[in-house]
Amino acid sequence: MSETTNDPVLSIKNLTKSFSGVVAVNDVSFDIHKGEIVGFLGPNGAGKTTTLRMALGLVKPELGDIKLFNSSPGPAAFGRIGFLPEERGLYRKLKARDAIAHIARLNGMKGKAAFARADEMMDRYGLAEAKHKKIKTLSKGMAQKVQLIASIAHDPEFLILDEPFSGLDPVNQKLLENMVREIVNRGRTIIFSTHVMEHAERLCDRIILMSEGNKIFDGDLESALANAPRRLIIETPSKDALSVLSPLADDIQQSGDATFKLVLKPEINAQKVLEISVKKKLQLVRFEPERPSLHEAFVEIVAKDQQEIAA
């Protein structure tokens, strides 16, 4: 089937895979469209890596259908894809420049062009001093950046990153995030898996959450965060503040005489608290909703999913 501009870069339908009778991926479906950066999130063992490997044709699904650029996974699509596996696989005895050029050649580039691209990419991302160093001599952070460069040296349209930030210190995590942003700014499409929610919060415009092999959420970041408990910080010298605010909260903590931290009841939002506070004539010095974390949202989404299964 011919490819059109509206076709998803990746489309998976009803993927299912078991290992030794244990379901690793259970009836998972989603599409990835051009220009998206998608966080594929969940704890270790949630089915993320297996799903990505099935998408690439490296693992055969028991059930389901996969389309890469509107075709089944295969050699025709591989030159358009960059893949950073969870298990880093550069040849440790190769020099960094040679390793990048080697991967670029495997992805269809000619010899001279591959080495020229390796030079260009290493210069662009601040790795010029590592060109002639063997992989085994590099720090983990530098080796990981070299591997990312190797996965994008052939200028792929679609990049699949499996736990790209795993094992990196905060400085190198930030550097790698900047590299990912630069790739997205050039119009490329990315899906990356991670069990660390903070990276997705900073990078992604769409979130897919996995738990125990099931897709339990697929939507934008703000929709995901809407599942987290709502929190408010209120500062008021009013003596009856505690009695006014307590019925609105599942939890309330008082700091000093005037500051209250509230976890709102599910049916109560910040606007409702403000309306009641004004009606009860509380003197508001500070009224500040706290932005929830994606980790909090994930915990709530998992809990709701388990409740639905139990019901």
Foldseek 3Di string as FASTA:
>chain_A
DAFDQFAFQKWKFQFWADDPPATQAGGDTDTHHFLFEEEEEDDPSLNPQVVVCVQQVNDPTPDIAMAHSHHGHDLVQQLQEFEAHPPHDFDQQAQLLVSLLVLLVVSPDDNVLSSVLSCVLCVVLVNNVRRGPGLNPDDPLSNLVSSVCSRCSSPHQEYEAEASCPPPDPVSSVSVLVVVVVSSVVRHYYYYYHHDQVSCVVRGQWYFYGGSNYTLDTGGPVVLQLLFFKKKKWFFQDPCVCVQCVVQAPDWDDDPRTIIMGRGDNVDDLVNSVVSCVVVPTDTPDIDIDRDTSVRSNVRSVVVVVVVVVD
